[in-house]
Amino acid sequence: MLQTSLKHILTEQDFQDTLRSNENVMICCGRMGPMCIPVYEVMDELQGDYDHVAFRDMEFDGPIGHLIRTLPECKSFRGLPFTVYFKNGKVVRATTSIQTKDQVTEILDAEYAARAAK
């Protein structure tokens, strides 16, 4: 299990339930490494500002990592993490490698409308 404060997707059932239960989902599939940890930290920081988005992590090398690794949108990716944004169960964006808070915020705002009012 990844050592983050995010909710973890550990089984295929978790994955399916998350997509079914949430209109907007951001999943970061990675490891506890230097390219992934900053993305997990950004996600954790943004959770409070984006109540309408489910932020989750998933182990890249775990038994269900293939659910993200084999997506057509990720087939050319070479760097970790693979970050996938879903809307109504469908992939709307996928990125690879480290992402800054500004980059993640730009995608969240574009794909899931402006952030929720606080």
C-alpha atoms as a PDB file:
ATOM      1  CA  MET A   1       0.000   0.000   0.000  1.00  0.00           C
ATOM      2  CA  LEU A   2       1.222   3.489  -0.798  1.00  0.00           C
ATOM      3  CA  GLN A   3       2.108   5.591   2.211  1.00  0.00           C
ATOM      4  CA  THR A   4      -0.042   8.614   1.450  1.00  0.00           C
ATOM      5  CA  SER A   5      -2.967  10.269   3.171  1.00  0.00           C
ATOM      6  CA  LEU A   6      -5.122   9.734   0.063  1.00  0.00           C
ATOM      7  CA  LYS A   7      -7.761   7.033  -0.186  1.00  0.00           C
ATOM      8  CA  HIS A   8      -6.232   3.966  -1.807  1.00  0.00           C
ATOM      9  CA  ILE A   9      -7.652   1.829  -4.564  1.00  0.00           C
ATOM     10  CA  LEU A  10      -6.622  -1.686  -3.561  1.00  0.00           C
ATOM     11  CA  THR A  11      -8.934  -3.940  -5.560  1.00  0.00           C
ATOM     12  CA  GLU A  12     -10.672  -3.981  -8.893  1.00  0.00           C
ATOM     13  CA  GLN A  13     -13.932  -3.638  -6.956  1.00  0.00           C
ATOM     14  CA  ASP A  14     -12.586  -0.447  -5.282  1.00  0.00           C
ATOM     15  CA  PHE A  15     -11.731   0.884  -8.740  1.00  0.00           C
ATOM     16  CA  GLN A  16     -15.164   0.120 -10.191  1.00  0.00           C
ATOM     17  CA  ASP A  17     -16.992   1.412  -7.098  1.00  0.00           C
ATOM     18  CA  THR A  18     -14.990   4.655  -7.147  1.00  0.00           C
ATOM     19  CA  LEU A  19     -15.824   5.320 -10.785  1.00  0.00           C
ATOM     20  CA  ARG A  20     -19.480   4.370 -10.301  1.00  0.00           C
ATOM     21  CA  SER A  21     -19.953   6.418  -7.113  1.00  0.00           C
ATOM     22  CA  ASN A  22     -18.207   9.631  -8.180  1.00  0.00           C
ATOM     23  CA  GLU A  23     -18.770  11.820 -11.207  1.00  0.00           C
ATOM     24  CA  ASN A  24     -15.222  13.220 -11.084  1.00  0.00           C
ATOM     25  CA  VAL A  25     -12.228  11.061 -10.180  1.00  0.00           C
ATOM     26  CA  MET A  26      -8.481  11.688 -10.252  1.00  0.00           C
ATOM     27  CA  ILE A  27      -6.307   8.581  -9.825  1.00  0.00           C
ATOM     28  CA  CYS A  28      -2.547   8.765  -9.458  1.00  0.00           C
ATOM     29  CA  CYS A  29      -0.957   5.382 -10.189  1.00  0.00           C
ATOM     30  CA  GLY A  30       2.627   5.317  -8.996  1.00  0.00           C
ATOM     31  CA  ARG A  31       5.228   4.373  -6.418  1.00  0.00           C
ATOM     32  CA  MET A  32       6.723   6.058  -3.371  1.00  0.00           C
ATOM     33  CA  GLY A  33       9.387   7.762  -5.479  1.00  0.00           C
ATOM     34  CA  PRO A  34      10.618  11.278  -6.278  1.00  0.00           C
ATOM     35  CA  MET A  35       8.370  11.781  -9.300  1.00  0.00           C
ATOM     36  CA  CYS A  36       5.218  10.486  -7.614  1.00  0.00           C
ATOM     37  CA  ILE A  37       5.359  11.890  -4.074  1.00  0.00           C
ATOM     38  CA  PRO A  38       4.963  15.529  -5.199  1.00  0.00           C
ATOM     39  CA  VAL A  39       1.813  14.604  -7.132  1.00  0.00           C
ATOM     40  CA  TYR A  40       0.349  12.808  -4.097  1.00  0.00           C
ATOM     41  CA  GLU A  41       1.125  15.899  -2.000  1.00  0.00           C
ATOM     42  CA  VAL A  42      -0.593  18.192  -4.521  1.00  0.00           C
ATOM     43  CA  MET A  43      -3.647  15.945  -4.560  1.00  0.00           C
ATOM     44  CA  ASP A  44      -3.801  15.919  -0.762  1.00  0.00           C
ATOM     45  CA  GLU A  45      -3.503  19.703  -0.662  1.00  0.00           C
ATOM     46  CA  LEU A  46      -6.247  20.233  -3.257  1.00  0.00           C
ATOM     47  CA  GLN A  47      -8.830  17.832  -1.799  1.00  0.00           C
ATOM     48  CA  GLY A  48     -10.403  20.527   0.367  1.00  0.00           C
ATOM     49  CA  ASP A  49     -10.785  22.904  -2.582  1.00  0.00           C
ATOM     50  CA  TYR A  50     -12.330  20.295  -4.887  1.00  0.00           C
ATOM     51  CA  ASP A  51     -15.035  18.583  -2.861  1.00  0.00           C
ATOM     52  CA  HIS A  52     -16.636  17.446  -6.121  1.00  0.00           C
ATOM     53  CA  VAL A  53     -13.578  15.367  -7.095  1.00  0.00           C
ATOM     54  CA  ALA A  54     -12.586  11.986  -5.637  1.00  0.00           C
ATOM     55  CA  PHE A  55      -8.800  11.900  -5.236  1.00  0.00           C
ATOM     56  CA  ARG A  56      -7.331   8.379  -5.134  1.00  0.00           C
ATOM     57  CA  ASP A  57      -3.995   6.645  -5.425  1.00  0.00           C
ATOM     58  CA  MET A  58      -3.088   3.208  -6.747  1.00  0.00           C
ATOM     59  CA  GLU A  59       0.111   1.152  -6.679  1.00  0.00           C
ATOM     60  CA  PHE A  60       1.716   1.025 -10.119  1.00  0.00           C
ATOM     61  CA  ASP A  61       3.244  -2.403  -9.479  1.00  0.00           C
ATOM     62  CA  GLY A  62       0.312  -3.776  -7.493  1.00  0.00           C
ATOM     63  CA  PRO A  63      -2.024  -6.485  -8.718  1.00  0.00           C
ATOM     64  CA  ILE A  64      -4.497  -3.973 -10.163  1.00  0.00           C
ATOM     65  CA  GLY A  65      -2.067  -1.377 -11.538  1.00  0.00           C
ATOM     66  CA  HIS A  66      -2.809  -2.825 -14.970  1.00  0.00           C
ATOM     67  CA  LEU A  67      -6.215  -1.121 -14.840  1.00  0.00           C
ATOM     68  CA  ILE A  68      -4.425   2.201 -15.353  1.00  0.00           C
ATOM     69  CA  ARG A  69      -1.252   1.009 -17.142  1.00  0.00           C
ATOM     70  CA  THR A  70      -3.212  -0.621 -19.975  1.00  0.00           C
ATOM     71  CA  LEU A  71      -5.583   2.248 -20.703  1.00  0.00           C
ATOM     72  CA  PRO A  72      -5.243   3.391 -24.337  1.00  0.00           C
ATOM     73  CA  GLU A  73      -4.610   6.938 -23.056  1.00  0.00           C
ATOM     74  CA  CYS A  74      -1.540   5.678 -21.142  1.00  0.00           C
ATOM     75  CA  LYS A  75      -0.022   3.310 -23.719  1.00  0.00           C
ATOM     76  CA  SER A  76       2.809   5.663 -24.709  1.00  0.00           C
ATOM     77  CA  PHE A  77       3.658   6.790 -21.167  1.00  0.00           C
ATOM     78  CA  ARG A  78       7.207   6.151 -19.953  1.00  0.00           C
ATOM     79  CA  GLY A  79       7.507   8.121 -16.695  1.00  0.00           C
ATOM     80  CA  LEU A  80       5.763   7.725 -13.363  1.00  0.00           C
ATOM     81  CA  PRO A  81       3.238   8.467 -12.101  1.00  0.00           C
ATOM     82  CA  PHE A  82       0.384   7.843 -14.514  1.00  0.00           C
ATOM     83  CA  THR A  83      -2.379  10.249 -13.514  1.00  0.00           C
ATOM     84  CA  VAL A  84      -5.806   9.702 -14.997  1.00  0.00           C
ATOM     85  CA  TYR A  85      -8.850  11.960 -14.747  1.00  0.00           C
ATOM     86  CA  PHE A  86     -12.268  10.341 -15.145  1.00  0.00           C
ATOM     87  CA  LYS A  87     -15.680  11.947 -15.642  1.00  0.00           C
ATOM     88  CA  ASN A  88     -18.729   9.705 -15.383  1.00  0.00           C
ATOM     89  CA  GLY A  89     -16.472   6.651 -15.578  1.00  0.00           C
ATOM     90  CA  LYS A  90     -14.732   7.738 -18.797  1.00  0.00           C
ATOM     91  CA  VAL A  91     -11.161   8.981 -19.185  1.00  0.00           C
ATOM     92  CA  VAL A  92     -11.116  12.699 -19.981  1.00  0.00           C
ATOM     93  CA  ARG A  93      -7.395  13.339 -19.488  1.00  0.00           C
ATOM     94  CA  ALA A  94      -4.244  11.414 -18.663  1.00  0.00           C
ATOM     95  CA  THR A  95      -0.782  12.703 -17.801  1.00  0.00           C
ATOM     96  CA  THR A  96       2.558  11.145 -17.054  1.00  0.00           C
ATOM     97  CA  SER A  97       5.467  12.195 -14.874  1.00  0.00           C
ATOM     98  CA  ILE A  98       5.628  14.850 -12.189  1.00  0.00           C
ATOM     99  CA  GLN A  99       2.958  17.561 -12.181  1.00  0.00           C
ATOM    100  CA  THR A 100       2.973  20.854 -10.326  1.00  0.00           C
ATOM    101  CA  LYS A 101       0.042  22.204  -8.352  1.00  0.00           C
ATOM    102  CA  ASP A 102      -0.633  24.718 -11.136  1.00  0.00           C
ATOM    103  CA  GLN A 103      -0.683  21.971 -13.777  1.00  0.00           C
ATOM    104  CA  VAL A 104      -3.045  19.784 -11.751  1.00  0.00           C
ATOM    105  CA  THR A 105      -5.293  22.756 -10.918  1.00  0.00           C
ATOM    106  CA  GLU A 106      -5.478  23.711 -14.597  1.00  0.00           C
ATOM    107  CA  ILE A 107      -6.639  20.200 -15.521  1.00  0.00           C
ATOM    108  CA  LEU A 108      -9.125  19.982 -12.642  1.00  0.00           C
ATOM    109  CA  ASP A 109     -10.640  23.331 -13.591  1.00  0.00           C
ATOM    110  CA  ALA A 110     -10.802  22.468 -17.286  1.00  0.00           C
ATOM    111  CA  GLU A 111     -12.263  18.988 -16.881  1.00  0.00           C
ATOM    112  CA  TYR A 112     -14.429  19.429 -13.799  1.00  0.00           C
ATOM    113  CA  ALA A 113     -15.423  23.101 -14.098  1.00  0.00           C
ATOM    114  CA  ALA A 114     -14.255  25.697 -11.624  1.00  0.00           C
ATOM    115  CA  ARG A 115     -13.443  24.634  -8.103  1.00  0.00           C
ATOM    116  CA  ALA A 116     -16.238  24.292  -5.646  1.00  0.00           C
ATOM    117  CA  ALA A 117     -17.160  27.391  -3.710  1.00  0.00           C
ATOM    118  CA  LYS A 118     -15.734  27.510  -0.206  1.00  0.00           C
END
